[in-house]
Amino acid sequence: MPEFIPEKDGHSSADKGHEAGRSLYEDALPTSSKPQSSTHAPTKLTRAEYTSSGDVHGVGSANERTTVRLQDGDTLWDLAQEKYKGQPSLGAIYQANGLTPQVVTRNGRREFVAPICYTGKAYILPAQQEIPTLESLFKQRMGLATITPKPHVTGSSASLPVPRETTTQPRVSSGDQKKDNGMVDFAAIGQKLAESLASTYKQAEDFITEELKQFQQGLTNKTKQFALDTNSPEQPPEVPPPRSIELFPGSYYIKEASSWDPEWAGITAVVTLGTPHLDPNRVDKTTSKPLDGFTIYMGGNAAGQEIDAGLSWEPTVDKSGKVSQANRAWRPFWLSGKWDNAPAKEELYWHPGDTVSMSVRRSDKPGWLKLTISDVGPHPKRSFTTEFKADNFSTGVAAQFKTVTALDQSMGSNVTPTRSTLVGTTWHQTHLLRGTGSTIQQLPLTESRRAELISHKESIVVSATASQQAAGGKTIDISGLTQAY
């Protein structure tokens, strides 16, 4: 295993090559695509947060999605009963956690044997309004029509009743079967009863045959997936975040960072972009370039390699090819050894007040990262994606991921008083990505998963609603120090 070197930079957009007013002609030409973003209600992850309210297990209310960590003696069934105050849907809970129960037949009934749940591991309890959708997805995934949990089972299994078809039998009246001499014809009655029973048995046989056929097909379809689920190793517990982040001078900024953990696959967020205002006295008299810059971005650190990627306040180019003298739009950038920008095109300009989905994650190619920025919604008008080389972010290497909101100045120097501001940047939700492939989880970047650094508390105002706090979000206003004016 390599020796993992703790991060030495608290902030690196300004400190590793970012100077306001860089040449517009350093642009790169990557392609575009749309990212995924979480739209679920915020989650709460630590039971201590609920203790004072009387919720000992931290399951939260039925109308909020929560994540609980199993303790000795806990079962998903018991926690779900406590959360929903009634008979919960195990199928919805399995679907929310990507769990696959084993299907067995006992006494002619199909039952689910619940997958093993481990003490110390975190599991999701979805909000009440999510349950119908999750239950429907679970039924589709399992190829089943109905799920009936056993009331006496403590979360270990659920029973699936075998459907029955009822057939109304023709009534045979002795009055209808009489001989000419008025005597009852028992032979004719017996014949009719035999024909009726034969018909009933044939219908039942056909029905059972079809049910068994569908059931066997469902089992066949799930065998490979079940084998993968049961044979895959359990994810190791999360590494706790560092206690602090080292300050790197030269910017007014706030940074939040995760632990160094080989299971982190990336970071994703929904952000409303703040409004920059440049102090007119902070312009280079020779070049007319601004001396203050503005960035809203993500990134990470792996074995000492620092990466920044997100949005920077930049000049624009109009249709005639003329470059604006002032910075006018938020444009994608990434910094991995050198600074790169997205093409200067109208479809890749974002503006103050726009809400975007942003993510930085490990690429399928080892040693590469993927940046994606797009409008929020199913059909974004603006979308940008690029992959770039980040050698230390290889599979199995512990990595840290971060978010930064900054008023940038000079790398490595003390900040200069300025009247420049960056107001109204709102991180609605920020999630760490954990795992690989189809097992990736989105975990909110809450206090239990992050360290935070505010470079100048007297000039940076941070606020957050309860829902923002639970989803790893906050609103940030940055102002420079002005005592020299």
Protein backbone atom coordinates (compact mmCIF):
# COMPACT_ATOMS: atom_id res chain seq x y z
CA MET A 1 0.00 0.00 0.00
CA PRO A 2 1.35 3.49 -0.73
CA GLU A 3 1.98 5.90 2.08
CA PHE A 4 -0.88 8.36 2.06
CA ILE A 5 0.25 11.97 2.47
CA PRO A 6 -2.25 14.30 4.19
CA GLU A 7 -3.42 17.34 2.26
CA LYS A 8 -1.07 20.30 2.60
CA ASP A 9 -3.31 22.79 0.80
CA GLY A 10 -6.43 24.13 2.39
CA HIS A 11 -7.46 25.72 -0.88
CA SER A 12 -5.87 25.36 -4.26
CA SER A 13 -7.85 27.18 -6.92
CA ALA A 14 -6.05 30.37 -6.01
CA ASP A 15 -2.92 28.70 -4.71
CA LYS A 16 -2.06 26.54 -7.71
CA GLY A 17 -2.15 28.71 -10.75
CA HIS A 18 -5.44 30.58 -10.55
CA GLU A 19 -5.02 34.29 -11.08
CA ALA A 20 -8.01 36.48 -11.97
CA GLY A 21 -8.22 37.45 -15.62
CA ARG A 22 -6.33 34.53 -17.18
CA SER A 23 -6.05 34.46 -20.97
CA LEU A 24 -9.26 33.33 -22.59
CA TYR A 25 -7.32 31.48 -25.26
CA GLU A 26 -6.17 28.66 -22.96
CA ASP A 27 -9.56 26.98 -23.47
CA ALA A 28 -9.90 23.25 -23.99
CA LEU A 29 -12.51 21.54 -26.18
CA PRO A 30 -14.21 18.68 -24.26
CA THR A 31 -17.62 17.12 -24.92
CA SER A 32 -20.88 17.38 -22.99
CA SER A 33 -23.31 15.11 -21.17
CA LYS A 34 -25.69 15.22 -18.22
CA PRO A 35 -24.95 14.08 -14.67
CA GLN A 36 -27.19 12.44 -12.14
CA SER A 37 -28.24 14.26 -9.04
CA SER A 38 -30.08 13.33 -5.94
CA THR A 39 -33.61 14.62 -5.53
CA HIS A 40 -34.49 12.70 -2.37
CA ALA A 41 -35.37 14.40 0.84
CA PRO A 42 -32.38 15.05 3.12
CA THR A 43 -31.12 12.33 5.42
CA LYS A 44 -29.95 12.31 9.02
CA LEU A 45 -27.21 9.93 9.88
CA THR A 46 -26.28 10.07 13.55
CA ARG A 47 -28.53 8.79 16.28
CA ALA A 48 -27.24 11.37 18.69
CA GLU A 49 -29.03 14.04 16.65
CA TYR A 50 -32.37 12.47 17.58
CA THR A 51 -31.79 11.60 21.21
CA SER A 52 -32.99 14.91 22.63
CA SER A 53 -36.27 14.59 20.72
CA GLY A 54 -36.99 11.14 22.16
CA ASP A 55 -36.19 9.23 18.97
CA VAL A 56 -33.71 6.82 20.55
CA HIS A 57 -32.92 4.88 17.40
CA GLY A 58 -32.65 7.92 15.14
CA VAL A 59 -35.22 6.62 12.66
CA GLY A 60 -36.79 10.07 12.25
CA SER A 61 -40.36 10.77 11.28
CA ALA A 62 -42.24 8.76 8.65
CA ASN A 63 -42.13 11.68 6.21
CA GLU A 64 -38.35 12.05 6.08
CA ARG A 65 -35.72 9.77 4.55
CA THR A 66 -33.22 8.77 7.21
CA THR A 67 -30.11 6.64 7.45
CA VAL A 68 -29.52 4.57 10.59
CA ARG A 69 -26.52 2.54 11.67
CA LEU A 70 -27.50 -0.85 13.08
CA GLN A 71 -26.53 -1.54 16.66
CA ASP A 72 -26.50 -4.84 18.55
CA GLY A 73 -30.02 -6.29 18.69
CA ASP A 74 -31.42 -4.04 15.92
CA THR A 75 -33.32 -5.38 12.92
CA LEU A 76 -34.59 -3.45 9.91
CA TRP A 77 -38.09 -4.75 10.72
CA ASP A 78 -38.04 -3.32 14.26
CA LEU A 79 -36.59 0.05 13.16
CA ALA A 80 -39.10 0.31 10.32
CA GLN A 81 -42.02 -0.46 12.65
CA GLU A 82 -40.81 2.28 14.97
CA LYS A 83 -40.49 4.75 12.08
CA TYR A 84 -43.76 4.08 10.24
CA LYS A 85 -45.88 3.23 13.32
CA GLY A 86 -47.38 0.20 11.63
CA GLN A 87 -46.59 -2.65 9.26
CA PRO A 88 -43.71 -1.44 7.05
CA SER A 89 -42.89 -2.44 3.50
CA LEU A 90 -39.73 -4.53 3.62
CA GLY A 91 -39.65 -4.50 -0.18
CA ALA A 92 -39.30 -0.69 -0.26
CA ILE A 93 -36.54 -0.83 2.36
CA TYR A 94 -34.68 -3.57 0.45
CA GLN A 95 -34.96 -1.52 -2.76
CA ALA A 96 -33.66 1.67 -1.10
CA ASN A 97 -30.59 -0.23 0.12
CA GLY A 98 -30.00 -2.39 -2.97
CA LEU A 99 -30.59 -5.56 -0.94
CA THR A 100 -31.80 -8.81 -2.55
CA PRO A 101 -33.59 -11.40 -0.39
CA GLN A 102 -33.43 -15.12 -1.13
CA VAL A 103 -36.67 -16.69 -2.41
CA VAL A 104 -37.57 -20.09 -0.89
CA THR A 105 -40.66 -22.33 -0.88
CA ARG A 106 -42.01 -23.48 2.49
CA ASN A 107 -45.19 -25.50 2.88
CA GLY A 108 -46.30 -24.54 -0.61
CA ARG A 109 -45.73 -20.81 -0.04
CA ARG A 110 -43.02 -18.61 -1.52
CA GLU A 111 -41.18 -16.61 1.10
CA PHE A 112 -38.35 -14.10 1.25
CA VAL A 113 -35.45 -14.85 3.54
CA ALA A 114 -34.04 -11.43 4.36
CA PRO A 115 -30.42 -10.69 3.48
CA ILE A 116 -27.95 -10.44 6.34
CA CYS A 117 -27.66 -6.96 7.84
CA TYR A 118 -24.49 -6.11 9.73
CA THR A 119 -24.08 -4.31 13.02
CA GLY A 120 -22.28 -1.02 12.49
CA LYS A 121 -23.39 -0.58 8.86
CA ALA A 122 -25.67 2.27 7.76
CA TYR A 123 -29.03 1.49 6.13
CA ILE A 124 -31.63 3.78 4.55
CA LEU A 125 -35.22 4.06 5.82
CA PRO A 126 -37.08 5.88 3.02
CA ALA A 127 -39.67 8.60 3.52
CA GLN A 128 -43.31 7.48 3.53
CA GLN A 129 -43.94 9.20 0.17
CA GLU A 130 -41.08 7.22 -1.43
CA ILE A 131 -42.42 3.81 -0.42
CA PRO A 132 -44.95 3.23 -3.28
CA THR A 133 -42.30 3.92 -5.93
CA LEU A 134 -39.63 1.85 -4.18
CA GLU A 135 -42.04 -1.02 -3.58
CA SER A 136 -43.06 -1.01 -7.26
CA LEU A 137 -39.40 -1.07 -8.34
CA PHE A 138 -38.70 -3.91 -5.91
CA LYS A 139 -41.57 -6.00 -7.26
CA GLN A 140 -40.36 -5.44 -10.83
CA ARG A 141 -36.82 -6.37 -9.83
CA MET A 142 -37.94 -9.57 -8.09
CA GLY A 143 -40.51 -10.49 -10.75
CA LEU A 144 -43.29 -10.80 -8.16
CA ALA A 145 -46.82 -9.48 -7.89
CA THR A 146 -47.39 -9.08 -4.15
CA ILE A 147 -45.42 -9.05 -0.91
CA THR A 148 -46.98 -9.93 2.47
CA PRO A 149 -44.63 -9.53 5.46
CA LYS A 150 -45.13 -12.08 8.27
CA PRO A 151 -46.37 -10.26 11.38
CA HIS A 152 -44.47 -12.62 13.69
CA VAL A 153 -41.15 -12.33 11.85
CA THR A 154 -38.60 -9.81 13.13
CA GLY A 155 -37.43 -8.63 9.77
CA SER A 156 -35.88 -11.90 8.66
CA SER A 157 -38.42 -12.96 6.06
CA ALA A 158 -41.61 -12.04 4.27
CA SER A 159 -44.21 -14.40 2.83
CA LEU A 160 -45.68 -14.41 -0.63
CA PRO A 161 -49.06 -16.20 -0.81
CA VAL A 162 -49.72 -18.43 -3.80
CA PRO A 163 -52.76 -17.01 -5.66
CA ARG A 164 -55.81 -19.22 -5.89
CA GLU A 165 -58.51 -19.29 -8.53
CA THR A 166 -62.04 -19.94 -7.41
CA THR A 167 -64.46 -21.74 -9.70
CA THR A 168 -68.20 -21.78 -9.15
CA GLN A 169 -69.35 -25.40 -9.49
CA PRO A 170 -72.71 -26.24 -11.13
CA ARG A 171 -75.20 -27.45 -8.57
CA VAL A 172 -76.55 -30.91 -9.31
CA SER A 173 -80.14 -31.31 -8.18
CA SER A 174 -81.62 -34.76 -7.66
CA GLY A 175 -84.86 -33.36 -9.02
CA ASP A 176 -83.19 -32.83 -12.39
CA GLN A 177 -82.04 -36.43 -12.63
CA LYS A 178 -85.07 -38.73 -12.41
CA LYS A 179 -85.93 -41.76 -14.45
CA ASP A 180 -89.13 -42.02 -16.40
CA ASN A 181 -90.61 -44.07 -13.55
CA GLY A 182 -90.02 -41.17 -11.12
CA MET A 183 -87.02 -42.80 -9.40
CA VAL A 184 -83.80 -40.83 -8.86
CA ASP A 185 -81.13 -41.74 -11.45
CA PHE A 186 -78.05 -41.94 -9.21
CA ALA A 187 -75.88 -43.05 -12.13
CA ALA A 188 -76.62 -39.84 -14.06
CA ILE A 189 -75.94 -37.73 -10.96
CA GLY A 190 -72.61 -39.49 -10.46
CA GLN A 191 -71.69 -38.93 -14.09
CA LYS A 192 -72.38 -35.19 -13.85
CA LEU A 193 -70.42 -34.90 -10.62
CA ALA A 194 -67.48 -36.72 -12.17
CA GLU A 195 -67.52 -34.42 -15.22
CA SER A 196 -67.71 -31.32 -13.00
CA LEU A 197 -64.85 -32.47 -10.79
CA ALA A 198 -62.71 -33.35 -13.80
CA SER A 199 -63.27 -29.86 -15.23
CA THR A 200 -62.38 -28.25 -11.88
CA TYR A 201 -59.23 -30.34 -11.49
CA LYS A 202 -58.15 -29.47 -15.05
CA GLN A 203 -58.57 -25.73 -14.38
CA ALA A 204 -56.65 -26.02 -11.13
CA GLU A 205 -53.88 -28.04 -12.79
CA ASP A 206 -53.52 -25.50 -15.62
CA PHE A 207 -53.44 -22.63 -13.14
CA ILE A 208 -50.82 -24.25 -10.91
CA THR A 209 -48.69 -25.23 -13.92
CA GLU A 210 -48.67 -21.63 -15.19
CA GLU A 211 -47.89 -20.25 -11.72
CA LEU A 212 -44.96 -22.65 -11.29
CA LYS A 213 -43.69 -21.78 -14.75
CA GLN A 214 -43.69 -18.06 -13.99
CA PHE A 215 -42.15 -18.60 -10.58
CA GLN A 216 -39.35 -20.77 -11.98
CA GLN A 217 -38.68 -18.18 -14.68
CA GLY A 218 -38.47 -15.48 -12.03
CA LEU A 219 -35.98 -17.52 -10.03
CA THR A 220 -33.88 -18.12 -13.14
CA ASN A 221 -33.77 -14.41 -13.93
CA LYS A 222 -32.63 -13.56 -10.39
CA THR A 223 -30.04 -16.31 -9.83
CA LYS A 224 -27.06 -14.41 -11.27
CA GLN A 225 -27.93 -11.17 -9.52
CA PHE A 226 -28.49 -13.00 -6.22
CA ALA A 227 -25.11 -14.73 -6.56
CA LEU A 228 -23.42 -11.38 -7.16
CA ASP A 229 -25.15 -9.80 -4.19
CA THR A 230 -24.37 -12.63 -1.78
CA ASN A 231 -20.78 -13.11 -2.91
CA SER A 232 -19.77 -9.44 -3.00
CA PRO A 233 -17.82 -8.34 0.07
CA GLU A 234 -19.41 -5.96 2.56
CA GLN A 235 -18.24 -2.36 2.32
CA PRO A 236 -15.82 -1.46 5.09
CA PRO A 237 -16.88 1.20 7.61
CA GLU A 238 -16.32 4.85 6.73
CA VAL A 239 -13.06 6.50 7.73
CA PRO A 240 -13.78 9.50 9.99
CA PRO A 241 -12.94 12.97 8.60
CA PRO A 242 -9.87 14.94 9.72
CA ARG A 243 -10.29 17.20 12.74
CA SER A 244 -9.15 20.29 10.87
CA ILE A 245 -8.03 21.67 7.51
CA GLU A 246 -4.82 23.64 7.10
CA LEU A 247 -5.27 27.26 5.99
CA PHE A 248 -3.52 28.25 2.78
CA PRO A 249 -3.25 32.05 2.45
CA GLY A 250 -4.20 34.16 -0.54
CA SER A 251 -8.02 33.91 -0.71
CA TYR A 252 -11.21 34.51 1.22
CA TYR A 253 -12.79 31.06 1.12
CA ILE A 254 -14.76 28.30 2.81
CA LYS A 255 -13.77 24.70 2.25
CA GLU A 256 -15.45 21.44 3.31
CA ALA A 257 -13.63 18.14 2.90
CA SER A 258 -14.30 14.45 3.56
CA SER A 259 -11.99 11.86 5.05
CA TRP A 260 -9.34 10.04 3.01
CA ASP A 261 -11.13 6.79 2.19
CA PRO A 262 -10.54 4.33 -0.69
CA GLU A 263 -14.32 3.77 -0.92
CA TRP A 264 -15.13 7.37 -1.90
CA ALA A 265 -16.02 7.43 -5.59
CA GLY A 266 -16.67 11.16 -5.92
CA ILE A 267 -18.88 14.05 -4.88
CA THR A 268 -22.07 15.59 -6.33
CA ALA A 269 -24.14 18.67 -5.48
CA VAL A 270 -26.95 20.99 -6.51
CA VAL A 271 -25.81 24.63 -6.33
CA THR A 272 -27.39 28.02 -6.99
CA LEU A 273 -24.58 30.25 -8.29
CA GLY A 274 -23.77 33.40 -6.33
CA THR A 275 -23.45 36.96 -7.65
CA PRO A 276 -19.88 38.34 -7.91
CA HIS A 277 -19.17 42.07 -7.54
CA LEU A 278 -15.69 43.36 -8.38
CA ASP A 279 -14.19 46.23 -6.43
CA PRO A 280 -13.35 48.83 -9.15
CA ASN A 281 -10.12 49.63 -7.27
CA ARG A 282 -9.03 45.99 -7.66
CA VAL A 283 -8.03 46.22 -11.35
CA ASP A 284 -4.47 46.07 -12.67
CA LYS A 285 -3.68 49.54 -14.08
CA THR A 286 -1.32 48.11 -16.70
CA THR A 287 -3.29 45.14 -18.04
CA SER A 288 -6.82 46.20 -16.97
CA LYS A 289 -7.28 42.69 -15.64
CA PRO A 290 -9.16 42.14 -12.34
CA LEU A 291 -7.07 41.40 -9.26
CA ASP A 292 -9.92 39.52 -7.54
CA GLY A 293 -11.43 36.32 -8.91
CA PHE A 294 -14.41 34.15 -7.97
CA THR A 295 -14.74 30.35 -7.99
CA ILE A 296 -17.36 27.77 -6.94
CA TYR A 297 -15.97 24.30 -7.30
CA MET A 298 -15.27 20.76 -6.14
CA GLY A 299 -12.22 18.56 -6.25
CA GLY A 300 -10.17 16.20 -4.19
CA ASN A 301 -6.83 14.99 -2.95
CA ALA A 302 -5.25 11.55 -3.35
CA ALA A 303 -1.76 10.72 -2.08
CA GLY A 304 -0.86 14.42 -2.12
CA GLN A 305 -2.25 15.24 -5.59
CA GLU A 306 -4.69 18.18 -5.34
CA ILE A 307 -7.45 18.56 -7.97
CA ASP A 308 -9.88 21.47 -8.49
CA ALA A 309 -12.84 21.38 -10.89
CA GLY A 310 -16.00 23.46 -11.13
CA LEU A 311 -16.97 26.99 -12.18
CA SER A 312 -14.93 30.20 -12.43
CA TRP A 313 -16.10 33.78 -13.14
CA GLU A 314 -14.62 34.44 -16.60
CA PRO A 315 -14.69 36.64 -19.74
CA THR A 316 -17.02 35.64 -22.57
CA VAL A 317 -16.82 35.67 -26.37
CA ASP A 318 -19.71 36.96 -28.49
CA LYS A 319 -20.82 35.57 -31.86
CA SER A 320 -18.41 37.83 -33.71
CA GLY A 321 -15.48 36.46 -31.70
CA LYS A 322 -14.99 39.54 -29.54
CA VAL A 323 -13.73 38.86 -26.02
CA SER A 324 -15.44 40.78 -23.23
CA GLN A 325 -13.19 43.12 -21.27
CA ALA A 326 -14.91 42.24 -18.00
CA ASN A 327 -15.69 38.81 -16.56
CA ARG A 328 -19.35 38.06 -17.30
CA ALA A 329 -20.19 34.36 -16.84
CA TRP A 330 -19.56 31.27 -14.76
CA ARG A 331 -17.57 28.85 -16.94
CA PRO A 332 -16.38 25.25 -16.30
CA PHE A 333 -12.70 24.77 -15.41
CA TRP A 334 -10.46 22.00 -14.10
CA LEU A 335 -6.99 22.16 -12.58
CA SER A 336 -4.84 19.03 -12.66
CA GLY A 337 -1.26 20.17 -13.05
CA LYS A 338 -2.45 22.90 -15.44
CA TRP A 339 -5.51 25.11 -15.81
CA ASP A 340 -8.12 24.24 -18.44
CA ASN A 341 -11.45 25.84 -19.39
CA ALA A 342 -14.50 24.65 -21.30
CA PRO A 343 -14.94 26.23 -24.76
CA ALA A 344 -16.09 29.86 -24.74
CA LYS A 345 -19.58 29.20 -26.09
CA GLU A 346 -22.95 30.67 -25.14
CA GLU A 347 -24.34 27.19 -24.38
CA LEU A 348 -21.61 26.75 -21.73
CA TYR A 349 -22.09 30.08 -19.93
CA TRP A 350 -23.94 30.07 -16.61
CA HIS A 351 -25.02 33.22 -14.80
CA PRO A 352 -25.68 34.37 -11.21
CA GLY A 353 -28.86 32.81 -9.85
CA ASP A 354 -28.68 29.75 -12.13
CA THR A 355 -29.04 26.40 -10.35
CA VAL A 356 -26.76 23.64 -11.58
CA SER A 357 -25.94 20.03 -10.87
CA MET A 358 -22.20 19.53 -10.43
CA SER A 359 -20.16 16.37 -9.82
CA VAL A 360 -16.57 15.18 -9.75
CA ARG A 361 -16.14 11.42 -9.66
CA ARG A 362 -13.63 8.70 -10.40
CA SER A 363 -13.73 7.68 -14.05
CA ASP A 364 -14.01 4.08 -15.24
CA LYS A 365 -10.42 4.60 -16.38
CA PRO A 366 -8.07 4.27 -13.37
CA GLY A 367 -6.19 7.48 -12.70
CA TRP A 368 -8.81 9.71 -14.35
CA LEU A 369 -11.58 11.94 -12.96
CA LYS A 370 -14.84 13.07 -14.59
CA LEU A 371 -16.33 16.56 -14.20
CA THR A 372 -19.99 17.12 -15.09
CA ILE A 373 -21.97 20.38 -14.87
CA SER A 374 -25.51 20.87 -16.19
CA ASP A 375 -28.77 22.66 -15.64
CA VAL A 376 -30.97 20.98 -13.06
CA GLY A 377 -33.85 19.00 -14.53
CA PRO A 378 -34.54 16.05 -16.86
CA HIS A 379 -33.84 18.04 -20.06
CA PRO A 380 -30.98 20.48 -19.43
CA LYS A 381 -30.34 23.13 -22.07
CA ARG A 382 -26.73 23.51 -20.95
CA SER A 383 -24.55 20.54 -20.09
CA PHE A 384 -20.80 19.93 -19.99
CA THR A 385 -18.67 16.84 -19.24
CA THR A 386 -14.96 16.19 -19.46
CA GLU A 387 -12.57 13.53 -18.23
CA PHE A 388 -9.04 14.49 -17.23
CA LYS A 389 -5.96 12.69 -15.97
CA ALA A 390 -5.43 12.51 -12.19
CA ASP A 391 -2.80 9.81 -11.72
CA ASN A 392 -3.13 9.33 -7.96
CA PHE A 393 -6.89 8.70 -8.08
CA SER A 394 -6.43 5.03 -8.96
CA THR A 395 -8.66 2.20 -7.75
CA GLY A 396 -8.01 1.36 -4.12
CA VAL A 397 -6.17 4.61 -3.33
CA ALA A 398 -7.62 6.58 -0.43
CA ALA A 399 -9.06 9.86 -1.70
CA GLN A 400 -10.57 12.97 -0.14
CA PHE A 401 -13.30 15.02 -1.89
CA LYS A 402 -14.19 18.65 -1.21
CA THR A 403 -16.27 21.73 -2.02
CA VAL A 404 -14.92 25.30 -2.09
CA THR A 405 -16.52 28.73 -2.46
CA ALA A 406 -13.89 31.46 -2.87
CA LEU A 407 -13.00 35.07 -3.53
CA ASP A 408 -9.54 34.47 -4.98
CA GLN A 409 -6.52 36.74 -4.89
CA SER A 410 -2.79 35.92 -4.82
CA MET A 411 -1.33 32.46 -4.28
CA GLY A 412 0.49 32.01 -0.99
CA SER A 413 0.28 35.66 0.08
CA ASN A 414 -1.79 37.35 2.73
CA VAL A 415 -5.14 38.62 1.49
CA THR A 416 -5.49 42.23 0.38
CA PRO A 417 -8.36 44.41 1.63
CA THR A 418 -11.08 44.62 -1.01
CA ARG A 419 -14.69 45.64 -1.46
CA SER A 420 -15.30 42.72 -3.83
CA THR A 421 -18.09 40.34 -2.78
CA LEU A 422 -19.55 36.96 -3.75
CA VAL A 423 -23.08 36.80 -2.39
CA GLY A 424 -25.84 34.16 -2.40
CA THR A 425 -23.98 30.96 -3.27
CA THR A 426 -26.33 28.21 -2.07
CA TRP A 427 -25.31 24.57 -1.84
CA HIS A 428 -28.76 22.98 -1.64
CA GLN A 429 -27.42 19.45 -1.18
CA THR A 430 -23.99 17.88 -1.31
CA HIS A 431 -23.45 14.10 -1.37
CA LEU A 432 -20.39 11.89 -1.28
CA LEU A 433 -20.46 8.89 -3.62
CA ARG A 434 -19.41 5.61 -2.02
CA GLY A 435 -18.81 2.20 -3.59
CA THR A 436 -18.47 1.01 -7.17
CA GLY A 437 -20.68 0.06 -10.11
CA SER A 438 -24.37 -0.45 -9.32
CA THR A 439 -23.70 -0.40 -5.56
CA ILE A 440 -22.78 3.31 -5.35
CA GLN A 441 -24.49 5.12 -2.47
CA GLN A 442 -25.09 8.85 -2.13
CA LEU A 443 -24.31 9.98 1.43
CA PRO A 444 -24.87 13.60 2.50
CA LEU A 445 -21.79 15.63 3.43
CA THR A 446 -23.04 16.38 6.94
CA GLU A 447 -20.95 17.34 9.98
CA SER A 448 -20.20 13.70 10.77
CA ARG A 449 -18.54 13.24 7.37
CA ARG A 450 -16.63 16.50 6.89
CA ALA A 451 -14.08 18.92 8.22
CA GLU A 452 -14.65 22.63 7.56
CA LEU A 453 -12.37 25.64 7.17
CA ILE A 454 -13.53 29.28 7.02
CA SER A 455 -10.48 31.39 6.18
CA HIS A 456 -11.79 34.73 7.54
CA LYS A 457 -14.80 34.37 9.82
CA GLU A 458 -15.20 38.12 10.12
CA SER A 459 -15.87 38.44 6.38
CA ILE A 460 -17.65 35.18 5.51
CA VAL A 461 -21.26 34.59 6.57
CA VAL A 462 -22.58 31.01 6.50
CA SER A 463 -26.21 30.06 7.15
CA ALA A 464 -28.25 26.87 6.72
CA THR A 465 -31.81 25.71 7.25
CA ALA A 466 -32.47 22.40 8.98
CA SER A 467 -33.13 20.72 5.63
CA GLN A 468 -29.90 22.13 4.18
CA GLN A 469 -27.91 20.89 7.18
CA ALA A 470 -29.34 17.40 6.80
CA ALA A 471 -28.51 17.37 3.07
CA GLY A 472 -24.96 18.77 3.42
CA GLY A 473 -25.97 22.23 2.19
CA LYS A 474 -25.57 25.89 3.20
CA THR A 475 -25.73 29.47 1.91
CA ILE A 476 -22.50 31.51 1.74
CA ASP A 477 -21.83 35.27 1.48
CA ILE A 478 -18.18 36.38 1.14
CA SER A 479 -16.91 39.94 1.58
CA GLY A 480 -13.31 41.08 1.63
CA LEU A 481 -11.73 42.86 4.57
CA THR A 482 -12.07 46.64 4.16
CA GLN A 483 -10.22 48.14 7.10
CA ALA A 484 -7.65 49.77 4.80
CA TYR A 485 -10.33 51.94 3.10
